[in-house]
N, C-alpha and C. Protein backbone atom coordinates (compact mmCIF):
# COMPACT_ATOMS: atom_id res chain seq x y z
N MET A 1 57.54 78.93 142.97
CA MET A 1 56.72 79.98 142.43
C MET A 1 57.32 80.50 141.12
N GLN A 2 58.65 80.65 141.08
CA GLN A 2 59.29 81.13 139.86
C GLN A 2 59.09 80.14 138.71
N GLY A 3 59.17 78.85 139.01
CA GLY A 3 58.95 77.84 137.98
C GLY A 3 57.54 77.91 137.43
N TRP A 4 56.57 78.08 138.31
CA TRP A 4 55.17 78.18 137.89
C TRP A 4 54.96 79.41 137.01
N LEU A 5 55.54 80.54 137.42
CA LEU A 5 55.43 81.76 136.63
C LEU A 5 56.04 81.57 135.25
N GLN A 6 57.17 80.90 135.16
CA GLN A 6 57.80 80.64 133.87
C GLN A 6 56.92 79.75 132.99
N GLU A 7 56.24 78.77 133.60
CA GLU A 7 55.32 77.93 132.84
C GLU A 7 54.18 78.76 132.25
N ILE A 8 53.64 79.67 133.04
CA ILE A 8 52.55 80.54 132.57
C ILE A 8 53.04 81.42 131.43
N LEU A 9 54.19 82.05 131.62
CA LEU A 9 54.73 82.97 130.61
C LEU A 9 55.07 82.28 129.30
N HIS A 10 55.39 80.99 129.34
CA HIS A 10 55.81 80.26 128.14
C HIS A 10 54.71 79.38 127.54
N THR A 11 53.52 79.42 128.10
CA THR A 11 52.42 78.63 127.54
C THR A 11 51.93 79.28 126.25
N PRO A 12 51.87 78.52 125.16
CA PRO A 12 51.38 79.09 123.89
C PRO A 12 49.91 79.51 123.99
N LEU A 13 49.63 80.67 123.44
CA LEU A 13 48.26 81.18 123.37
C LEU A 13 47.70 80.87 121.98
N PRO A 14 46.39 80.83 121.83
CA PRO A 14 45.79 80.52 120.53
C PRO A 14 46.20 81.47 119.40
N SER A 15 46.65 82.66 119.73
CA SER A 15 47.09 83.62 118.71
C SER A 15 48.44 83.23 118.11
N GLY A 16 49.15 82.34 118.79
CA GLY A 16 50.50 81.98 118.38
C GLY A 16 51.56 82.64 119.26
N ALA A 17 51.15 83.61 120.06
CA ALA A 17 52.07 84.30 120.97
C ALA A 17 52.14 83.54 122.29
N ARG A 18 53.09 83.93 123.09
CA ARG A 18 53.18 83.55 124.50
C ARG A 18 53.29 84.86 125.26
N LEU A 19 52.90 84.88 126.51
CA LEU A 19 53.00 86.12 127.28
C LEU A 19 54.42 86.66 127.28
N CYS A 20 55.41 85.78 127.33
CA CYS A 20 56.81 86.23 127.34
C CYS A 20 57.24 86.84 126.01
N ASP A 21 56.48 86.63 124.94
CA ASP A 21 56.81 87.17 123.62
C ASP A 21 56.31 88.60 123.42
N LEU A 22 55.39 89.04 124.25
CA LEU A 22 54.72 90.32 124.03
C LEU A 22 55.62 91.49 124.40
N GLN A 23 55.78 92.39 123.44
CA GLN A 23 56.52 93.62 123.70
C GLN A 23 55.62 94.56 124.49
N ARG A 24 56.17 95.23 125.46
CA ARG A 24 55.38 96.14 126.29
C ARG A 24 54.63 97.16 125.42
N SER A 25 55.26 97.61 124.34
CA SER A 25 54.65 98.62 123.47
C SER A 25 53.43 98.07 122.72
N ALA A 26 53.25 96.76 122.70
CA ALA A 26 52.11 96.15 122.01
C ALA A 26 51.03 95.72 123.00
N THR A 27 51.11 96.24 124.23
CA THR A 27 50.14 95.85 125.26
C THR A 27 49.54 97.06 125.95
N LEU A 28 48.35 96.87 126.45
CA LEU A 28 47.72 97.78 127.41
C LEU A 28 47.39 96.91 128.62
N ARG A 29 47.77 97.38 129.80
CA ARG A 29 47.60 96.57 131.01
C ARG A 29 46.67 97.27 131.98
N GLU A 30 45.80 96.47 132.61
CA GLU A 30 44.82 97.01 133.55
C GLU A 30 44.11 98.23 132.97
N THR A 31 43.57 98.04 131.79
CA THR A 31 42.93 99.12 131.05
C THR A 31 41.52 99.36 131.59
N SER A 32 41.30 100.58 132.01
CA SER A 32 40.00 100.97 132.52
C SER A 32 39.12 101.43 131.36
N PHE A 33 37.85 101.11 131.44
CA PHE A 33 36.92 101.62 130.42
C PHE A 33 35.63 102.07 131.08
N TYR A 34 35.01 103.02 130.43
CA TYR A 34 33.69 103.53 130.80
C TYR A 34 32.89 103.67 129.52
N PHE A 35 31.65 103.32 129.56
CA PHE A 35 30.77 103.73 128.47
C PHE A 35 29.35 103.81 128.97
N PRO A 36 28.58 104.69 128.35
CA PRO A 36 27.21 104.90 128.81
C PRO A 36 26.29 103.75 128.42
N MET A 37 25.37 103.49 129.31
CA MET A 37 24.27 102.57 129.01
C MET A 37 23.04 103.46 129.01
N ARG A 38 22.59 103.82 127.84
CA ARG A 38 21.51 104.81 127.74
C ARG A 38 20.19 104.25 128.23
N ALA A 39 19.92 103.02 127.97
CA ALA A 39 18.70 102.37 128.49
C ALA A 39 18.67 100.96 127.95
N GLY A 40 18.06 100.13 128.66
CA GLY A 40 17.90 98.76 128.18
C GLY A 40 17.56 97.85 129.34
N ALA A 41 16.71 96.91 129.08
CA ALA A 41 16.31 95.96 130.11
C ALA A 41 17.30 94.82 130.17
N CYS A 42 17.51 94.32 131.37
CA CYS A 42 18.39 93.16 131.52
C CYS A 42 17.88 91.97 130.73
N GLY A 43 16.55 91.90 130.53
CA GLY A 43 15.99 90.82 129.73
C GLY A 43 16.53 90.83 128.32
N ARG A 44 16.71 92.00 127.76
CA ARG A 44 17.28 92.11 126.41
C ARG A 44 18.75 91.70 126.42
N LEU A 45 19.45 92.06 127.48
CA LEU A 45 20.84 91.63 127.62
C LEU A 45 20.90 90.11 127.73
N GLY A 46 19.98 89.54 128.47
CA GLY A 46 19.90 88.08 128.59
C GLY A 46 19.66 87.41 127.25
N LYS A 47 18.87 88.05 126.38
CA LYS A 47 18.63 87.49 125.05
C LYS A 47 19.90 87.50 124.21
N VAL A 48 20.69 88.56 124.31
CA VAL A 48 21.96 88.62 123.58
C VAL A 48 22.88 87.51 124.07
N LEU A 49 22.96 87.34 125.39
CA LEU A 49 23.81 86.29 125.95
C LEU A 49 23.31 84.90 125.54
N ALA A 50 22.00 84.71 125.57
CA ALA A 50 21.43 83.41 125.18
C ALA A 50 21.77 83.08 123.73
N GLU A 51 21.65 84.07 122.86
CA GLU A 51 21.99 83.86 121.45
C GLU A 51 23.47 83.52 121.31
N HIS A 52 24.32 84.21 122.06
CA HIS A 52 25.76 83.94 122.04
C HIS A 52 26.04 82.51 122.51
N ARG A 53 25.24 82.04 123.45
CA ARG A 53 25.40 80.69 123.99
C ARG A 53 24.74 79.63 123.11
N GLY A 54 24.35 79.99 121.92
CA GLY A 54 23.77 79.02 121.00
C GLY A 54 22.27 78.88 121.13
N GLY A 55 21.61 79.88 121.68
CA GLY A 55 20.16 79.85 121.78
C GLY A 55 19.64 79.29 123.09
N ARG A 56 20.53 78.88 123.98
CA ARG A 56 20.08 78.36 125.28
C ARG A 56 19.54 79.48 126.14
N ALA A 57 18.37 79.29 126.72
CA ALA A 57 17.77 80.31 127.59
C ALA A 57 18.74 80.64 128.71
N THR A 58 18.87 81.92 128.99
CA THR A 58 19.82 82.37 129.99
C THR A 58 19.18 83.43 130.85
N ALA A 59 19.11 83.16 132.14
CA ALA A 59 18.61 84.15 133.09
C ALA A 59 19.82 84.84 133.70
N LEU A 60 19.77 86.16 133.75
CA LEU A 60 20.85 86.91 134.37
C LEU A 60 20.67 86.92 135.88
N PRO A 61 21.77 86.99 136.63
CA PRO A 61 21.66 86.94 138.08
C PRO A 61 20.90 88.13 138.68
N THR A 62 20.93 89.29 138.04
CA THR A 62 20.28 90.47 138.58
C THR A 62 19.37 91.10 137.54
N PRO A 63 18.06 91.00 137.71
CA PRO A 63 17.16 91.66 136.76
C PRO A 63 17.12 93.17 137.01
N GLY A 64 16.67 93.90 136.05
CA GLY A 64 16.56 95.34 136.23
C GLY A 64 16.73 96.08 134.93
N THR A 65 17.05 97.36 135.05
CA THR A 65 17.24 98.23 133.90
C THR A 65 18.69 98.67 133.85
N LEU A 66 19.23 98.71 132.64
CA LEU A 66 20.61 99.14 132.43
C LEU A 66 20.59 100.61 132.05
N LYS A 67 21.05 101.44 132.96
CA LYS A 67 21.10 102.86 132.68
C LYS A 67 22.20 103.44 133.55
N GLY A 68 23.01 104.28 132.96
CA GLY A 68 24.12 104.88 133.69
C GLY A 68 25.43 104.63 132.95
N MET A 69 26.49 104.46 133.71
CA MET A 69 27.81 104.21 133.13
C MET A 69 28.28 102.81 133.50
N LEU A 70 28.82 102.11 132.53
CA LEU A 70 29.45 100.82 132.78
C LEU A 70 30.94 101.07 132.91
N HIS A 71 31.52 100.57 133.98
CA HIS A 71 32.94 100.76 134.26
C HIS A 71 33.57 99.40 134.52
N GLY A 72 34.72 99.19 133.96
CA GLY A 72 35.43 97.94 134.18
C GLY A 72 36.91 98.08 133.91
N PHE A 73 37.64 97.00 134.17
CA PHE A 73 39.07 96.92 133.94
C PHE A 73 39.38 95.66 133.16
N ILE A 74 40.12 95.79 132.10
CA ILE A 74 40.56 94.66 131.30
C ILE A 74 42.00 94.36 131.70
N ASP A 75 42.28 93.12 132.10
CA ASP A 75 43.61 92.77 132.59
C ASP A 75 44.70 93.08 131.56
N LEU A 76 44.49 92.62 130.33
CA LEU A 76 45.53 92.81 129.31
C LEU A 76 44.88 92.86 127.93
N ILE A 77 45.33 93.79 127.12
CA ILE A 77 45.02 93.84 125.70
C ILE A 77 46.37 93.76 125.00
N TYR A 78 46.47 92.90 124.02
CA TYR A 78 47.73 92.86 123.26
C TYR A 78 47.45 92.78 121.77
N CYS A 79 48.40 93.30 121.03
CA CYS A 79 48.34 93.25 119.58
C CYS A 79 49.39 92.25 119.10
N TRP A 80 48.95 91.32 118.26
CA TRP A 80 49.84 90.30 117.73
C TRP A 80 49.48 90.10 116.27
N GLU A 81 50.44 90.34 115.41
CA GLU A 81 50.27 90.18 113.97
C GLU A 81 49.04 90.95 113.46
N GLY A 82 48.88 92.18 113.96
CA GLY A 82 47.84 93.07 113.49
C GLY A 82 46.46 92.85 114.07
N ARG A 83 46.33 91.89 114.99
CA ARG A 83 45.03 91.62 115.62
C ARG A 83 45.14 91.90 117.12
N PHE A 84 44.01 92.31 117.70
CA PHE A 84 43.98 92.67 119.11
C PHE A 84 43.24 91.60 119.90
N TYR A 85 43.81 91.24 121.04
CA TYR A 85 43.28 90.17 121.89
C TYR A 85 43.07 90.70 123.31
N LEU A 86 42.01 90.22 123.94
CA LEU A 86 41.73 90.50 125.34
C LEU A 86 42.22 89.32 126.16
N VAL A 87 42.80 89.62 127.31
CA VAL A 87 43.23 88.57 128.24
C VAL A 87 42.66 88.88 129.61
N ASP A 88 42.09 87.86 130.23
CA ASP A 88 41.65 87.97 131.61
C ASP A 88 42.28 86.81 132.37
N TYR A 89 42.90 87.13 133.49
CA TYR A 89 43.55 86.11 134.31
C TYR A 89 42.56 85.57 135.32
N LYS A 90 42.50 84.26 135.44
CA LYS A 90 41.62 83.61 136.40
C LYS A 90 42.44 82.72 137.33
N SER A 91 42.16 82.82 138.62
CA SER A 91 42.85 81.97 139.59
C SER A 91 41.92 80.90 140.15
N ASN A 92 40.79 80.68 139.50
CA ASN A 92 39.80 79.69 139.94
C ASN A 92 40.45 78.34 140.15
N ASP A 93 40.05 77.69 141.23
CA ASP A 93 40.51 76.33 141.51
C ASP A 93 39.44 75.37 141.01
N LEU A 94 39.71 74.72 139.89
CA LEU A 94 38.75 73.80 139.28
C LEU A 94 39.01 72.35 139.67
N GLY A 95 40.07 72.10 140.42
CA GLY A 95 40.38 70.74 140.85
C GLY A 95 41.88 70.49 140.81
N ALA A 96 42.25 69.31 141.25
CA ALA A 96 43.67 68.96 141.34
C ALA A 96 44.23 68.59 139.97
N GLY A 97 45.39 69.11 139.66
CA GLY A 97 46.09 68.73 138.45
C GLY A 97 45.61 69.42 137.20
N LEU A 98 46.42 69.31 136.17
CA LEU A 98 46.13 69.96 134.90
C LEU A 98 44.88 69.41 134.23
N ARG A 99 44.57 68.14 134.46
CA ARG A 99 43.40 67.53 133.80
C ARG A 99 42.09 68.16 134.25
N ALA A 100 42.09 68.94 135.32
CA ALA A 100 40.89 69.65 135.76
C ALA A 100 40.64 70.91 134.94
N TYR A 101 41.59 71.27 134.05
CA TYR A 101 41.52 72.52 133.29
C TYR A 101 41.40 72.26 131.79
N THR A 102 40.60 71.28 131.43
CA THR A 102 40.35 70.96 130.03
C THR A 102 39.45 72.04 129.41
N VAL A 103 39.36 72.03 128.10
CA VAL A 103 38.50 72.98 127.40
C VAL A 103 37.06 72.86 127.90
N ALA A 104 36.56 71.64 128.05
CA ALA A 104 35.18 71.43 128.51
C ALA A 104 34.98 72.00 129.92
N ALA A 105 35.95 71.78 130.81
CA ALA A 105 35.84 72.31 132.18
C ALA A 105 35.88 73.83 132.19
N LEU A 106 36.73 74.40 131.35
CA LEU A 106 36.81 75.87 131.28
C LEU A 106 35.51 76.44 130.72
N GLU A 107 34.98 75.83 129.67
CA GLU A 107 33.73 76.31 129.09
C GLU A 107 32.59 76.26 130.10
N GLN A 108 32.53 75.20 130.89
CA GLN A 108 31.49 75.09 131.92
C GLN A 108 31.66 76.18 132.96
N ASN A 109 32.89 76.43 133.40
CA ASN A 109 33.14 77.47 134.39
C ASN A 109 32.82 78.86 133.83
N ILE A 110 33.13 79.06 132.56
CA ILE A 110 32.83 80.34 131.89
C ILE A 110 31.31 80.59 131.94
N ARG A 111 30.52 79.59 131.57
CA ARG A 111 29.06 79.75 131.58
C ARG A 111 28.52 79.93 133.00
N ASP A 112 28.96 79.07 133.92
CA ASP A 112 28.45 79.11 135.29
C ASP A 112 28.76 80.44 135.99
N SER A 113 29.89 81.03 135.65
CA SER A 113 30.33 82.27 136.31
C SER A 113 29.96 83.53 135.52
N TYR A 114 29.28 83.35 134.39
CA TYR A 114 28.91 84.46 133.51
C TYR A 114 30.14 85.22 132.99
N TYR A 115 31.27 84.51 132.87
CA TYR A 115 32.45 85.14 132.29
C TYR A 115 32.24 85.42 130.81
N ASP A 116 31.32 84.68 130.18
CA ASP A 116 31.03 84.98 128.77
C ASP A 116 30.36 86.34 128.63
N LEU A 117 29.53 86.71 129.56
CA LEU A 117 28.96 88.05 129.56
C LEU A 117 30.06 89.08 129.80
N GLN A 118 30.95 88.76 130.72
CA GLN A 118 32.08 89.65 131.00
C GLN A 118 32.92 89.88 129.75
N TYR A 119 33.28 88.81 129.05
CA TYR A 119 34.14 89.03 127.88
C TYR A 119 33.40 89.70 126.74
N LEU A 120 32.09 89.52 126.64
CA LEU A 120 31.35 90.26 125.61
C LEU A 120 31.38 91.76 125.90
N LEU A 121 31.24 92.14 127.16
CA LEU A 121 31.33 93.55 127.54
C LEU A 121 32.73 94.10 127.31
N TYR A 122 33.74 93.31 127.64
CA TYR A 122 35.13 93.72 127.39
C TYR A 122 35.38 93.90 125.90
N MET A 123 34.83 92.97 125.11
CA MET A 123 35.03 93.06 123.66
C MET A 123 34.34 94.31 123.12
N LEU A 124 33.18 94.65 123.66
CA LEU A 124 32.51 95.88 123.25
C LEU A 124 33.38 97.10 123.59
N ALA A 125 33.97 97.10 124.76
CA ALA A 125 34.85 98.21 125.14
C ALA A 125 36.04 98.30 124.19
N LEU A 126 36.65 97.16 123.86
CA LEU A 126 37.78 97.16 122.93
C LEU A 126 37.33 97.60 121.53
N HIS A 127 36.20 97.12 121.08
CA HIS A 127 35.64 97.50 119.79
C HIS A 127 35.47 99.01 119.69
N ARG A 128 34.87 99.59 120.71
CA ARG A 128 34.66 101.05 120.70
C ARG A 128 35.98 101.80 120.77
N TYR A 129 36.91 101.29 121.54
CA TYR A 129 38.23 101.92 121.65
C TYR A 129 38.96 101.91 120.30
N LEU A 130 39.01 100.74 119.65
CA LEU A 130 39.72 100.63 118.38
C LEU A 130 39.06 101.48 117.29
N ALA A 131 37.74 101.60 117.34
CA ALA A 131 37.04 102.42 116.35
C ALA A 131 37.47 103.88 116.43
N THR A 132 37.91 104.32 117.61
CA THR A 132 38.37 105.71 117.76
C THR A 132 39.86 105.86 117.50
N ARG A 133 40.59 104.75 117.46
CA ARG A 133 42.05 104.81 117.34
C ARG A 133 42.60 104.41 115.98
N LEU A 134 41.89 103.55 115.27
CA LEU A 134 42.38 103.05 113.99
C LEU A 134 41.52 103.60 112.86
N SER A 135 42.11 104.34 111.95
CA SER A 135 41.34 104.95 110.87
C SER A 135 40.74 103.91 109.93
N ASP A 136 41.39 102.76 109.81
CA ASP A 136 40.88 101.71 108.93
C ASP A 136 40.26 100.54 109.70
N TYR A 137 39.78 100.84 110.90
CA TYR A 137 39.27 99.79 111.79
C TYR A 137 38.19 98.94 111.12
N ASP A 138 38.38 97.64 111.22
CA ASP A 138 37.43 96.65 110.72
C ASP A 138 37.43 95.51 111.74
N PRO A 139 36.33 95.30 112.47
CA PRO A 139 36.34 94.28 113.51
C PRO A 139 36.67 92.89 112.99
N THR A 140 36.30 92.58 111.75
CA THR A 140 36.61 91.24 111.22
C THR A 140 38.11 91.06 111.02
N ARG A 141 38.81 92.15 110.82
CA ARG A 141 40.25 92.09 110.59
C ARG A 141 41.06 92.35 111.86
N HIS A 142 40.57 93.21 112.73
CA HIS A 142 41.38 93.66 113.87
C HIS A 142 41.10 92.94 115.19
N LEU A 143 39.90 92.42 115.37
CA LEU A 143 39.59 91.74 116.63
C LEU A 143 40.02 90.28 116.55
N GLY A 144 40.95 89.92 117.40
CA GLY A 144 41.47 88.55 117.39
C GLY A 144 40.72 87.60 118.29
N GLY A 145 40.21 88.11 119.40
CA GLY A 145 39.45 87.25 120.30
C GLY A 145 39.79 87.48 121.75
N VAL A 146 39.34 86.53 122.56
CA VAL A 146 39.44 86.60 124.01
C VAL A 146 40.21 85.38 124.50
N HIS A 147 41.11 85.59 125.45
CA HIS A 147 41.78 84.48 126.14
C HIS A 147 41.48 84.63 127.62
N TYR A 148 40.92 83.60 128.22
CA TYR A 148 40.81 83.54 129.67
C TYR A 148 41.88 82.54 130.11
N LEU A 149 42.81 83.05 130.88
CA LEU A 149 43.96 82.24 131.30
C LEU A 149 43.75 81.76 132.73
N TYR A 150 43.46 80.50 132.86
CA TYR A 150 43.29 79.87 134.17
C TYR A 150 44.69 79.47 134.65
N LEU A 151 45.27 80.33 135.46
CA LEU A 151 46.68 80.24 135.81
C LEU A 151 47.06 78.90 136.42
N ARG A 152 46.18 78.31 137.21
CA ARG A 152 46.49 77.03 137.86
C ARG A 152 46.57 75.88 136.86
N GLY A 153 46.03 76.07 135.67
CA GLY A 153 45.99 74.98 134.69
C GLY A 153 46.91 75.18 133.50
N MET A 154 47.72 76.24 133.52
CA MET A 154 48.58 76.52 132.35
C MET A 154 49.93 75.81 132.46
N HIS A 155 50.34 75.27 131.34
CA HIS A 155 51.65 74.62 131.25
C HIS A 155 52.05 74.59 129.78
N PRO A 156 53.30 74.93 129.46
CA PRO A 156 53.69 75.00 128.04
C PRO A 156 53.64 73.66 127.29
N GLU A 157 53.62 72.56 128.01
CA GLU A 157 53.62 71.26 127.35
C GLU A 157 52.26 70.58 127.36
N HIS A 158 51.25 71.28 127.86
CA HIS A 158 49.90 70.70 127.94
C HIS A 158 48.89 71.68 127.37
N ASP A 159 47.87 71.14 126.77
CA ASP A 159 46.81 71.96 126.18
C ASP A 159 45.71 72.16 127.21
N THR A 160 46.04 72.84 128.31
CA THR A 160 45.09 73.05 129.39
C THR A 160 45.20 74.49 129.89
N GLY A 161 44.14 74.93 130.54
CA GLY A 161 44.18 76.21 131.24
C GLY A 161 43.94 77.45 130.39
N VAL A 162 43.78 77.30 129.08
CA VAL A 162 43.59 78.47 128.22
C VAL A 162 42.26 78.33 127.48
N PHE A 163 41.36 79.27 127.76
CA PHE A 163 40.09 79.34 127.04
C PHE A 163 40.23 80.42 125.98
N HIS A 164 39.75 80.13 124.77
CA HIS A 164 39.79 81.12 123.69
C HIS A 164 38.44 81.18 123.02
N CYS A 165 38.05 82.39 122.67
CA CYS A 165 36.81 82.60 121.94
C CYS A 165 37.06 83.65 120.87
N VAL A 166 36.62 83.37 119.66
CA VAL A 166 36.72 84.37 118.59
C VAL A 166 35.60 85.39 118.79
N PRO A 167 35.76 86.59 118.27
CA PRO A 167 34.73 87.61 118.45
C PRO A 167 33.39 87.19 117.85
N ASP A 168 32.34 87.38 118.61
CA ASP A 168 30.98 87.14 118.15
C ASP A 168 30.46 88.51 117.69
N LEU A 169 30.62 88.79 116.40
CA LEU A 169 30.28 90.12 115.88
C LEU A 169 28.79 90.41 115.95
N GLN A 170 27.96 89.40 115.84
CA GLN A 170 26.51 89.62 115.98
C GLN A 170 26.19 90.07 117.40
N ALA A 171 26.76 89.41 118.40
CA ALA A 171 26.54 89.81 119.80
C ALA A 171 27.12 91.19 120.06
N LEU A 172 28.26 91.47 119.46
CA LEU A 172 28.90 92.77 119.62
C LEU A 172 28.00 93.89 119.09
N ARG A 173 27.44 93.70 117.91
CA ARG A 173 26.54 94.70 117.33
C ARG A 173 25.26 94.85 118.18
N ALA A 174 24.75 93.73 118.67
CA ALA A 174 23.54 93.78 119.49
C ALA A 174 23.79 94.51 120.81
N LEU A 175 24.92 94.25 121.44
CA LEU A 175 25.27 94.95 122.68
C LEU A 175 25.46 96.44 122.44
N ASP A 176 26.14 96.75 121.36
CA ASP A 176 26.37 98.16 121.02
C ASP A 176 25.03 98.88 120.87
N ALA A 177 24.10 98.27 120.17
CA ALA A 177 22.77 98.87 119.99
C ALA A 177 22.01 98.94 121.32
N LEU A 178 22.09 97.88 122.10
CA LEU A 178 21.39 97.85 123.39
C LEU A 178 21.83 99.01 124.28
N PHE A 179 23.14 99.22 124.39
CA PHE A 179 23.62 100.27 125.28
C PHE A 179 23.43 101.67 124.71
N GLU A 180 23.13 101.74 123.43
CA GLU A 180 22.78 103.03 122.82
C GLU A 180 21.28 103.30 122.95
N GLY A 181 20.54 102.33 123.50
CA GLY A 181 19.11 102.52 123.67
C GLY A 181 18.29 102.13 122.46
N ALA A 182 18.92 101.50 121.48
CA ALA A 182 18.23 101.08 120.25
C ALA A 182 17.63 99.70 120.45
N GLU A 183 16.76 99.32 119.56
CA GLU A 183 16.19 97.98 119.59
C GLU A 183 17.28 96.97 119.25
N VAL A 184 17.22 95.84 119.91
CA VAL A 184 18.20 94.78 119.70
C VAL A 184 17.56 93.66 118.92
N SER A 185 18.17 93.32 117.81
CA SER A 185 17.69 92.16 117.06
C SER A 185 18.73 91.07 117.18
N VAL A 186 18.31 89.95 117.76
CA VAL A 186 19.21 88.80 117.92
C VAL A 186 18.64 87.61 117.23
């Protein structure tokens, strides 16, 4: 178990960091967020997700209206070289061996599990948080992206188990407008 943990901690991330390189002062762990959803149909949320997925039609698992408070927890936020990254740990079993955790396999699991919707919501939470904390906040400069770390597939000598996505600023703006009750243009 200790060997496996060391492999995870020493696996290079797309930012250039490794988990073992992160200073505690440059991280937020198990960060809770809340934000209001003033109104919006799930169909509009589905359109934002479909556009993010390259225009592929996307049905959400639960239809309805979005109204109330959205609450969630982000596993890890870290700052590296002036950019902020979201990390979510996944223990999904995609198959035996590291070859089951290729980029293509991770992307398929992300879509099938709606983790892309999850990371878009997390990115919106981080975007709103940074806008209140950084006087010179600019999402193109400060948002580094999302890492989904499939722990069973991570190894420092193999390019497996790490999914990375750069911020989709168009989706971010559309989600922000959607949850404010404004019209969404995608």
